[in-house]
Amino acid sequence: MAASLSLSLGLFIGTTTTTSIPIYSTSTRITLTRPSNSSTKIRSVAWDPEGIFGPPNTGHIARREFQRRLEKDTNAKEAFEREILEEKQRRQKLRDSRVAPDSPAELIEYFLDTEAREIEFEISRLRPLLNKDFFSHLKFELGQLRFAVSKTQDMEDRLFELEALEKALLEGTEAFDKMQADLVTAKERLTKILTSKDIKATLLEMVERNEINRPLLTILDENIVSAQEGNQVRHTRATLFILSKYCLIITY
């Protein structure tokens, strides 16, 4: 009669389960028991020992709750949109009511009375007035306050305000000038693309030179919006589709 032998091999990593594998021969039946493959278990959603995902973002629950409220509550959504429209109208009315001064001294006071979020708009609107004469006058007043023999608290406050204003205006004018230069270059590149007999070849050449950038896509998108004739729209959209092969994000 055939003998029966049972061997059990127990390899345990944490908590494992066992699987029986029958092995048959002509005279003996052997049953081997081995653990099934175990997998690493992550018991914390914040487990990130190498910091790959960066610091956790907060406020997710509040944002989701606000989004659900907007989706479910039509009245809240309409009120929210109305507030946005009213704020937009208020800001536009304020912009229209302000008159740009003529002298550098008055222009300094004009910017000191400007809301922080309106500084960028005012820089773009009054860029011609933010010239060498203006910054020379601003530096002169700063020098008088810095090297004053005796300083009052009002002088200290004024010095702090002017230093912050100078920094904001210098950075703002530099960014504005760069943006304008990028837009001019983008218009030239767009003209080159749209007048090319072989658009794909032109695009490949521009990609090699790293000339496909966001200012160019912005100008191209504006052309799509402003195009009136159907043929022009199709031609421009076809060009945009080709561009999309070489760009990560294109916003229609």
Protein backbone atom coordinates (compact mmCIF):
# COMPACT_ATOMS: atom_id res chain seq x y z
CA MET A 1 0.00 0.00 0.00
CA ALA A 2 1.14 3.48 -0.74
CA ALA A 3 2.51 5.39 2.23
CA SER A 4 1.39 8.94 2.95
CA LEU A 5 3.78 11.58 4.15
CA SER A 6 2.90 15.19 5.03
CA LEU A 7 5.54 17.90 5.20
CA SER A 8 4.77 21.38 6.41
CA LEU A 9 7.07 24.31 5.67
CA GLY A 10 6.13 27.43 7.64
CA LEU A 11 7.66 30.77 6.54
CA PHE A 12 5.88 33.62 8.19
CA ILE A 13 6.14 37.34 7.34
CA GLY A 14 3.64 39.14 9.50
CA THR A 15 0.36 37.22 9.13
CA THR A 16 0.29 34.79 6.18
CA THR A 17 -2.04 32.19 4.73
CA THR A 18 -1.00 28.76 3.52
CA THR A 19 -1.68 26.98 0.24
CA SER A 20 -1.57 23.20 -0.17
CA ILE A 21 0.09 21.82 -3.28
CA PRO A 22 -0.39 18.06 -3.85
CA ILE A 23 2.51 16.20 -5.45
CA TYR A 24 1.81 12.68 -6.76
CA SER A 25 4.20 9.87 -7.49
CA THR A 26 3.74 6.20 -8.14
CA SER A 27 4.16 5.24 -4.53
CA THR A 28 4.00 8.31 -2.30
CA ARG A 29 1.75 11.34 -1.97
CA ILE A 30 3.46 14.40 -0.44
CA THR A 31 1.61 17.55 0.54
CA LEU A 32 3.77 20.71 0.77
CA THR A 33 2.40 23.71 2.61
CA ARG A 34 3.91 27.12 1.88
CA PRO A 35 2.92 30.71 2.60
CA SER A 36 1.32 32.73 -0.16
CA ASN A 37 3.05 35.89 -1.36
CA SER A 38 2.63 38.67 1.16
CA SER A 39 2.38 42.33 0.20
CA THR A 40 3.47 45.47 2.00
CA LYS A 41 0.59 47.14 3.75
CA ILE A 42 0.54 50.91 4.22
CA ARG A 43 -1.59 51.65 7.23
CA SER A 44 -1.27 55.48 7.09
CA VAL A 45 -2.41 57.72 4.25
CA ALA A 46 0.32 60.17 5.25
CA TRP A 47 3.09 57.58 4.74
CA ASP A 48 5.66 59.33 2.55
CA PRO A 49 9.14 58.70 4.03
CA GLU A 50 11.01 60.24 1.08
CA GLY A 51 8.84 63.34 0.83
CA ILE A 52 7.88 62.64 -2.78
CA PHE A 53 4.45 64.21 -2.57
CA GLY A 54 5.52 67.27 -0.57
CA PRO A 55 3.66 68.73 2.42
CA PRO A 56 -0.05 67.91 2.65
CA ASN A 57 -2.51 70.53 1.46
CA THR A 58 -5.11 71.74 3.91
CA GLY A 59 -8.65 72.94 3.44
CA HIS A 60 -9.67 70.15 1.03
CA ILE A 61 -12.82 69.27 2.99
CA ALA A 62 -13.90 72.91 3.16
CA ARG A 63 -13.38 73.35 -0.59
CA ARG A 64 -15.35 70.20 -1.37
CA GLU A 65 -18.15 71.28 0.96
CA PHE A 66 -18.29 74.70 -0.72
CA GLN A 67 -18.37 73.06 -4.15
CA ARG A 68 -21.19 70.70 -3.14
CA ARG A 69 -23.16 73.63 -1.76
CA LEU A 70 -22.82 75.52 -5.02
CA GLU A 71 -23.94 72.48 -6.99
CA LYS A 72 -26.97 71.79 -4.80
CA ASP A 73 -28.02 75.27 -3.80
CA THR A 74 -28.96 77.32 -6.84
CA ASN A 75 -29.63 80.41 -4.76
CA ALA A 76 -26.16 80.30 -3.21
CA LYS A 77 -24.60 79.91 -6.64
CA GLU A 78 -26.53 82.85 -8.03
CA ALA A 79 -25.61 84.98 -5.01
CA PHE A 80 -21.95 84.06 -5.40
CA GLU A 81 -21.97 84.98 -9.10
CA ARG A 82 -23.77 88.23 -8.29
CA GLU A 83 -21.12 89.15 -5.73
CA ILE A 84 -18.38 88.52 -8.29
CA LEU A 85 -20.17 90.70 -10.85
CA GLU A 86 -20.73 93.50 -8.33
CA GLU A 87 -17.09 93.44 -7.27
CA LYS A 88 -16.00 93.56 -10.89
CA GLN A 89 -18.27 96.53 -11.55
CA ARG A 90 -17.03 98.28 -8.42
CA ARG A 91 -13.41 97.90 -9.45
CA GLN A 92 -14.15 99.09 -12.97
CA LYS A 93 -16.02 102.13 -11.65
CA LEU A 94 -13.11 102.93 -9.35
CA ARG A 95 -10.64 102.64 -12.22
CA ASP A 96 -12.69 104.95 -14.41
CA SER A 97 -12.99 107.57 -11.66
CA ARG A 98 -9.26 107.90 -11.02
CA VAL A 99 -7.31 110.53 -12.91
CA ALA A 100 -3.59 110.07 -13.42
CA PRO A 101 -1.49 112.91 -11.95
CA ASP A 102 1.16 114.83 -13.86
CA SER A 103 4.03 115.34 -11.41
CA PRO A 104 6.22 112.62 -9.83
CA ALA A 105 5.29 113.75 -6.30
CA GLU A 106 1.57 113.42 -7.05
CA LEU A 107 2.16 110.09 -8.78
CA ILE A 108 3.81 108.74 -5.62
CA GLU A 109 0.73 109.65 -3.59
CA TYR A 110 -1.48 108.17 -6.30
CA PHE A 111 0.21 104.76 -5.98
CA LEU A 112 0.22 104.92 -2.17
CA ASP A 113 -3.57 105.30 -2.33
CA THR A 114 -3.94 102.37 -4.74
CA GLU A 115 -5.25 99.01 -3.54
CA ALA A 116 -2.63 96.28 -3.57
CA ARG A 117 -4.47 94.15 -6.13
CA GLU A 118 -4.80 97.17 -8.44
CA ILE A 119 -1.08 97.96 -8.53
CA GLU A 120 -0.43 95.69 -11.51
CA PHE A 121 -3.24 97.30 -13.52
CA GLU A 122 -2.08 100.83 -12.67
CA ILE A 123 1.49 100.00 -13.66
CA SER A 124 0.32 98.83 -17.08
CA ARG A 125 -1.91 101.90 -17.46
CA LEU A 126 0.65 104.46 -16.29
CA ARG A 127 3.84 102.80 -17.53
CA PRO A 128 4.92 105.85 -19.62
CA LEU A 129 4.86 107.98 -16.44
CA LEU A 130 7.05 105.54 -14.52
CA ASN A 131 10.19 106.84 -16.15
CA LYS A 132 13.66 107.89 -15.08
CA ASP A 133 12.47 111.23 -13.69
CA PHE A 134 9.86 109.54 -11.49
CA PHE A 135 12.27 107.02 -9.96
CA SER A 136 14.89 109.75 -9.46
CA HIS A 137 12.36 111.80 -7.48
CA LEU A 138 11.39 108.71 -5.46
CA LYS A 139 15.04 107.93 -4.63
CA PHE A 140 15.63 111.56 -3.64
CA GLU A 141 12.78 111.51 -1.13
CA LEU A 142 13.97 108.15 0.22
CA GLY A 143 17.46 109.57 0.70
CA GLN A 144 16.13 112.54 2.65
CA LEU A 145 14.22 110.26 5.00
CA ARG A 146 17.06 107.78 5.47
CA PHE A 147 19.69 110.36 6.31
CA ALA A 148 17.56 112.74 8.35
CA VAL A 149 19.29 113.85 11.56
CA SER A 150 16.21 113.37 13.68
CA LYS A 151 13.35 111.08 12.68
CA THR A 152 9.79 111.12 13.91
CA GLN A 153 7.45 108.14 13.85
CA ASP A 154 5.66 109.66 10.87
CA MET A 155 8.99 109.85 9.01
CA GLU A 156 9.73 106.21 9.86
CA ASP A 157 6.31 105.17 8.56
CA ARG A 158 6.76 107.22 5.41
CA LEU A 159 10.17 105.65 4.80
CA PHE A 160 8.70 102.16 5.18
CA GLU A 161 5.86 102.94 2.74
CA LEU A 162 8.17 104.44 0.10
CA GLU A 163 10.64 101.56 0.29
CA ALA A 164 7.81 99.06 -0.23
CA LEU A 165 6.41 101.16 -3.08
CA GLU A 166 9.79 101.44 -4.80
CA LYS A 167 10.27 97.66 -4.65
CA ALA A 168 6.76 96.97 -6.00
CA LEU A 169 7.10 99.47 -8.86
CA LEU A 170 10.56 98.31 -9.91
CA GLU A 171 9.50 94.67 -9.99
CA GLY A 172 6.18 95.52 -11.64
CA THR A 173 7.67 97.64 -14.43
CA GLU A 174 10.32 95.01 -15.10
CA ALA A 175 7.68 92.26 -15.40
CA PHE A 176 5.47 94.47 -17.58
CA ASP A 177 8.31 95.34 -19.96
CA LYS A 178 9.27 91.68 -20.27
CA MET A 179 5.67 90.71 -21.00
CA GLN A 180 5.39 93.36 -23.69
CA ALA A 181 8.63 92.19 -25.30
CA ASP A 182 7.41 88.58 -25.21
CA LEU A 183 4.13 89.57 -26.86
CA VAL A 184 5.91 91.44 -29.65
CA THR A 185 8.12 88.42 -30.28
CA ALA A 186 5.09 86.11 -30.12
CA LYS A 187 3.26 88.16 -32.77
CA GLU A 188 6.26 87.93 -35.07
CA ARG A 189 6.45 84.16 -34.59
CA LEU A 190 2.72 83.74 -35.18
CA THR A 191 2.98 85.68 -38.42
CA LYS A 192 5.84 83.43 -39.43
CA ILE A 193 3.71 80.32 -38.75
CA LEU A 194 0.52 81.48 -40.47
CA THR A 195 2.34 82.71 -43.58
CA SER A 196 4.49 79.60 -43.90
CA LYS A 197 3.92 77.31 -46.88
CA ASP A 198 4.91 74.29 -44.78
CA ILE A 199 3.52 74.82 -41.27
CA LYS A 200 4.74 71.51 -39.88
CA ALA A 201 8.31 72.10 -41.02
CA THR A 202 8.22 75.63 -39.61
CA LEU A 203 6.93 74.37 -36.28
CA LEU A 204 9.62 71.69 -36.09
CA GLU A 205 12.24 74.32 -36.72
CA MET A 206 10.76 76.56 -34.01
CA VAL A 207 10.57 73.67 -31.54
CA GLU A 208 14.27 72.98 -32.03
CA ARG A 209 14.95 76.63 -31.22
CA ASN A 210 12.61 76.51 -28.19
CA GLU A 211 10.41 79.23 -29.69
CA ILE A 212 7.05 77.61 -28.86
CA ASN A 213 6.08 79.20 -25.53
CA ARG A 214 3.00 80.40 -23.68
CA PRO A 215 2.95 83.97 -25.07
CA LEU A 216 2.78 82.46 -28.55
CA LEU A 217 -0.11 80.19 -27.54
CA THR A 218 -1.90 83.15 -25.96
CA ILE A 219 -1.66 85.18 -29.15
CA LEU A 220 -2.79 82.20 -31.21
CA ASP A 221 -5.78 81.64 -28.93
CA GLU A 222 -6.76 85.31 -29.24
CA ASN A 223 -6.70 84.96 -33.02
CA ILE A 224 -9.13 82.05 -32.79
CA VAL A 225 -11.55 84.10 -30.71
CA SER A 226 -11.33 87.18 -32.92
CA ALA A 227 -11.51 85.35 -36.25
CA GLN A 228 -14.82 86.07 -37.98
CA GLU A 229 -14.71 84.13 -41.24
CA GLY A 230 -15.15 80.36 -41.18
CA ASN A 231 -12.14 79.57 -43.34
CA GLN A 232 -9.89 81.65 -41.16
CA VAL A 233 -11.18 79.90 -38.03
CA ARG A 234 -10.57 76.44 -39.47
CA HIS A 235 -7.09 77.37 -40.64
CA THR A 236 -6.14 78.79 -37.25
CA ARG A 237 -7.60 75.84 -35.33
CA ALA A 238 -5.74 73.42 -37.59
CA THR A 239 -2.53 75.26 -36.74
CA LEU A 240 -3.38 75.08 -33.06
CA PHE A 241 -3.96 71.33 -33.35
CA ILE A 242 -0.49 70.88 -34.83
CA LEU A 243 0.98 73.02 -32.07
CA SER A 244 -0.68 70.79 -29.48
CA LYS A 245 1.62 67.93 -30.48
CA TYR A 246 4.60 69.86 -29.19
CA CYS A 247 3.06 71.57 -26.15
CA LEU A 248 1.88 70.17 -22.83
CA ILE A 249 -1.15 72.41 -22.25
CA ILE A 250 -3.24 74.42 -24.71
CA THR A 251 -6.33 76.24 -23.47
CA TYR A 252 -9.10 76.82 -25.96
